[in-house]
Amino acid sequence: METVEESTCCHDKYQVKHKMDDANVDCITDHPGFEGVCLNPWVLEVAYVGFKKHGYVDTDDPLPERYRYTAFRQFARWNYGYLGKRRRVPTPSCVAKKIRAAYTDPNNTYKGFKWPPL
């Protein structure tokens, strides 16, 4: 991954590891809920409407970018619950790779993880 924050393993995140142990999987992307929560386009579409309603998103973004954004948010909410405004958690690299593979950018340029401004 591009940054140190993006180079984390799902095994290193307590909440994620707990979810993996419950499902008896070696990687969070193998969890039976991962695809439905983070990659299903219909689920992402509905979740995006909620983010849009609260003013969290730019509605002019191309569809794959919207899906990527929403997939990362869905993963965070699925594993950590509601984090609150300006509170972020780096996503494990295996998750970022799966999301980016499912909703690719034609120029292969991605924003990556960014800490919120202070």
C-alpha atoms as a PDB file:
ATOM      1  CA  MET A   1       0.000   0.000   0.000  1.00  0.00           C
ATOM      2  CA  GLU A   2       1.012   3.589  -0.454  1.00  0.00           C
ATOM      3  CA  THR A   3       1.409   4.724   3.167  1.00  0.00           C
ATOM      4  CA  VAL A   4       2.360   3.210   6.505  1.00  0.00           C
ATOM      5  CA  GLU A   5      -1.234   3.623   7.700  1.00  0.00           C
ATOM      6  CA  GLU A   6      -2.463   1.619   4.713  1.00  0.00           C
ATOM      7  CA  SER A   7       0.047  -1.175   5.310  1.00  0.00           C
ATOM      8  CA  THR A   8      -1.743  -2.687   8.292  1.00  0.00           C
ATOM      9  CA  CYS A   9      -2.920  -6.281   8.534  1.00  0.00           C
ATOM     10  CA  CYS A  10      -6.421  -7.268   9.574  1.00  0.00           C
ATOM     11  CA  HIS A  11      -4.829  -9.426  12.294  1.00  0.00           C
ATOM     12  CA  ASP A  12      -3.406  -6.272  13.913  1.00  0.00           C
ATOM     13  CA  LYS A  13      -6.800  -4.646  14.512  1.00  0.00           C
ATOM     14  CA  TYR A  14      -8.489  -5.933  17.676  1.00  0.00           C
ATOM     15  CA  GLN A  15     -12.110  -5.396  16.575  1.00  0.00           C
ATOM     16  CA  VAL A  16     -11.437  -6.872  13.132  1.00  0.00           C
ATOM     17  CA  LYS A  17      -9.571  -9.866  14.571  1.00  0.00           C
ATOM     18  CA  HIS A  18     -12.471 -10.501  16.956  1.00  0.00           C
ATOM     19  CA  LYS A  19     -14.905 -10.586  14.021  1.00  0.00           C
ATOM     20  CA  MET A  20     -12.552 -12.955  12.153  1.00  0.00           C
ATOM     21  CA  ASP A  21     -12.306 -15.284  15.155  1.00  0.00           C
ATOM     22  CA  ASP A  22     -16.100 -15.380  15.477  1.00  0.00           C
ATOM     23  CA  ALA A  23     -16.398 -16.511  11.853  1.00  0.00           C
ATOM     24  CA  ASN A  24     -13.298 -18.746  12.018  1.00  0.00           C
ATOM     25  CA  VAL A  25     -11.581 -17.120   9.024  1.00  0.00           C
ATOM     26  CA  ASP A  26      -7.929 -16.182   8.460  1.00  0.00           C
ATOM     27  CA  CYS A  27      -8.634 -12.866   6.716  1.00  0.00           C
ATOM     28  CA  ILE A  28     -11.498 -10.421   7.180  1.00  0.00           C
ATOM     29  CA  THR A  29     -12.113 -10.451   3.420  1.00  0.00           C
ATOM     30  CA  ASP A  30     -13.012 -14.152   3.775  1.00  0.00           C
ATOM     31  CA  HIS A  31     -15.677 -13.357   6.392  1.00  0.00           C
ATOM     32  CA  PRO A  32     -19.134 -14.345   5.105  1.00  0.00           C
ATOM     33  CA  GLY A  33     -20.411 -10.805   5.751  1.00  0.00           C
ATOM     34  CA  PHE A  34     -17.614  -8.898   4.012  1.00  0.00           C
ATOM     35  CA  GLU A  35     -18.922  -9.073   0.457  1.00  0.00           C
ATOM     36  CA  GLY A  36     -22.495  -8.236   1.433  1.00  0.00           C
ATOM     37  CA  VAL A  37     -21.562  -5.292   3.641  1.00  0.00           C
ATOM     38  CA  CYS A  38     -18.611  -3.846   1.723  1.00  0.00           C
ATOM     39  CA  LEU A  39     -18.838  -4.925  -1.927  1.00  0.00           C
ATOM     40  CA  ASN A  40     -22.513  -5.394  -2.781  1.00  0.00           C
ATOM     41  CA  PRO A  41     -23.424  -2.480  -5.100  1.00  0.00           C
ATOM     42  CA  TRP A  42     -27.058  -2.350  -3.931  1.00  0.00           C
ATOM     43  CA  VAL A  43     -26.010  -2.142  -0.287  1.00  0.00           C
ATOM     44  CA  LEU A  44     -23.454   0.534  -1.160  1.00  0.00           C
ATOM     45  CA  GLU A  45     -26.072   2.484  -3.087  1.00  0.00           C
ATOM     46  CA  VAL A  46     -28.418   2.575  -0.094  1.00  0.00           C
ATOM     47  CA  ALA A  47     -25.607   3.453   2.337  1.00  0.00           C
ATOM     48  CA  TYR A  48     -24.461   6.229  -0.010  1.00  0.00           C
ATOM     49  CA  VAL A  49     -27.919   7.817   0.129  1.00  0.00           C
ATOM     50  CA  GLY A  50     -27.533   8.039   3.908  1.00  0.00           C
ATOM     51  CA  PHE A  51     -24.092   9.640   3.647  1.00  0.00           C
ATOM     52  CA  LYS A  52     -25.387  12.063   1.035  1.00  0.00           C
ATOM     53  CA  LYS A  53     -28.329  13.037   3.236  1.00  0.00           C
ATOM     54  CA  HIS A  54     -25.936  14.048   6.016  1.00  0.00           C
ATOM     55  CA  GLY A  55     -23.702  15.998   3.642  1.00  0.00           C
ATOM     56  CA  TYR A  56     -20.693  13.663   3.866  1.00  0.00           C
ATOM     57  CA  VAL A  57     -20.242  13.158   0.120  1.00  0.00           C
ATOM     58  CA  ASP A  58     -19.883  14.994  -3.169  1.00  0.00           C
ATOM     59  CA  THR A  59     -22.645  13.809  -5.477  1.00  0.00           C
ATOM     60  CA  ASP A  60     -20.615  14.638  -8.587  1.00  0.00           C
ATOM     61  CA  ASP A  61     -18.092  11.845  -8.018  1.00  0.00           C
ATOM     62  CA  PRO A  62     -18.075   9.037 -10.610  1.00  0.00           C
ATOM     63  CA  LEU A  63     -19.891   5.860  -9.572  1.00  0.00           C
ATOM     64  CA  PRO A  64     -16.789   3.701  -8.849  1.00  0.00           C
ATOM     65  CA  GLU A  65     -15.396   6.447  -6.625  1.00  0.00           C
ATOM     66  CA  ARG A  66     -18.702   6.695  -4.746  1.00  0.00           C
ATOM     67  CA  TYR A  67     -18.748   2.943  -4.250  1.00  0.00           C
ATOM     68  CA  ARG A  68     -15.143   2.899  -3.010  1.00  0.00           C
ATOM     69  CA  TYR A  69     -15.811   5.714  -0.557  1.00  0.00           C
ATOM     70  CA  THR A  70     -18.951   4.028   0.711  1.00  0.00           C
ATOM     71  CA  ALA A  71     -17.296   0.596   0.916  1.00  0.00           C
ATOM     72  CA  PHE A  72     -14.539   1.975   3.156  1.00  0.00           C
ATOM     73  CA  ARG A  73     -17.124   3.689   5.366  1.00  0.00           C
ATOM     74  CA  GLN A  74     -19.195   0.501   5.512  1.00  0.00           C
ATOM     75  CA  PHE A  75     -16.148  -1.511   6.573  1.00  0.00           C
ATOM     76  CA  ALA A  76     -15.382   0.948   9.373  1.00  0.00           C
ATOM     77  CA  ARG A  77     -18.963   0.964  10.625  1.00  0.00           C
ATOM     78  CA  TRP A  78     -19.249  -2.846  10.388  1.00  0.00           C
ATOM     79  CA  ASN A  79     -16.114  -3.346  12.498  1.00  0.00           C
ATOM     80  CA  TYR A  80     -15.967  -0.311  14.795  1.00  0.00           C
ATOM     81  CA  GLY A  81     -19.521   1.016  14.901  1.00  0.00           C
ATOM     82  CA  TYR A  82     -20.197   4.700  14.462  1.00  0.00           C
ATOM     83  CA  LEU A  83     -16.893   6.528  14.941  1.00  0.00           C
ATOM     84  CA  GLY A  84     -18.147  10.099  14.888  1.00  0.00           C
ATOM     85  CA  LYS A  85     -17.158  13.116  12.895  1.00  0.00           C
ATOM     86  CA  ARG A  86     -13.453  13.511  12.069  1.00  0.00           C
ATOM     87  CA  ARG A  87     -12.549  10.199  13.704  1.00  0.00           C
ATOM     88  CA  ARG A  88     -10.867   7.760  11.331  1.00  0.00           C
ATOM     89  CA  VAL A  89      -9.278   4.324  11.490  1.00  0.00           C
ATOM     90  CA  PRO A  90      -6.835   2.997   8.857  1.00  0.00           C
ATOM     91  CA  THR A  91      -8.279   0.160   6.805  1.00  0.00           C
ATOM     92  CA  PRO A  92      -6.289  -3.089   6.572  1.00  0.00           C
ATOM     93  CA  SER A  93      -4.459  -3.444   3.252  1.00  0.00           C
ATOM     94  CA  CYS A  94      -6.335  -6.651   2.331  1.00  0.00           C
ATOM     95  CA  VAL A  95      -9.628  -4.746   2.549  1.00  0.00           C
ATOM     96  CA  ALA A  96      -8.321  -1.803   0.525  1.00  0.00           C
ATOM     97  CA  LYS A  97      -7.099  -4.170  -2.200  1.00  0.00           C
ATOM     98  CA  LYS A  98     -10.475  -5.952  -2.426  1.00  0.00           C
ATOM     99  CA  ILE A  99     -12.431  -2.697  -2.563  1.00  0.00           C
ATOM    100  CA  ARG A 100     -10.103  -1.190  -5.159  1.00  0.00           C
ATOM    101  CA  ALA A 101     -10.261  -4.368  -7.245  1.00  0.00           C
ATOM    102  CA  ALA A 102     -14.055  -4.336  -7.169  1.00  0.00           C
ATOM    103  CA  TYR A 103     -14.395  -0.616  -7.965  1.00  0.00           C
ATOM    104  CA  THR A 104     -11.304   0.343  -9.909  1.00  0.00           C
ATOM    105  CA  ASP A 105     -10.183   3.780 -10.947  1.00  0.00           C
ATOM    106  CA  PRO A 106      -9.419   3.923 -14.710  1.00  0.00           C
ATOM    107  CA  ASN A 107      -6.233   5.917 -13.989  1.00  0.00           C
ATOM    108  CA  ASN A 108      -5.247   3.693 -11.053  1.00  0.00           C
ATOM    109  CA  THR A 109      -5.083   6.736  -8.754  1.00  0.00           C
ATOM    110  CA  TYR A 110      -6.560   6.433  -5.307  1.00  0.00           C
ATOM    111  CA  LYS A 111      -6.829   8.950  -2.472  1.00  0.00           C
ATOM    112  CA  GLY A 112      -5.584   6.587   0.217  1.00  0.00           C
ATOM    113  CA  PHE A 113      -6.000   6.975   3.954  1.00  0.00           C
ATOM    114  CA  LYS A 114      -5.696  10.462   5.410  1.00  0.00           C
ATOM    115  CA  TRP A 115      -5.880  11.522   9.030  1.00  0.00           C
ATOM    116  CA  PRO A 116      -8.386  14.347   9.617  1.00  0.00           C
ATOM    117  CA  PRO A 117      -6.995  17.878   9.871  1.00  0.00           C
ATOM    118  CA  LEU A 118      -6.326  19.068  13.405  1.00  0.00           C
END
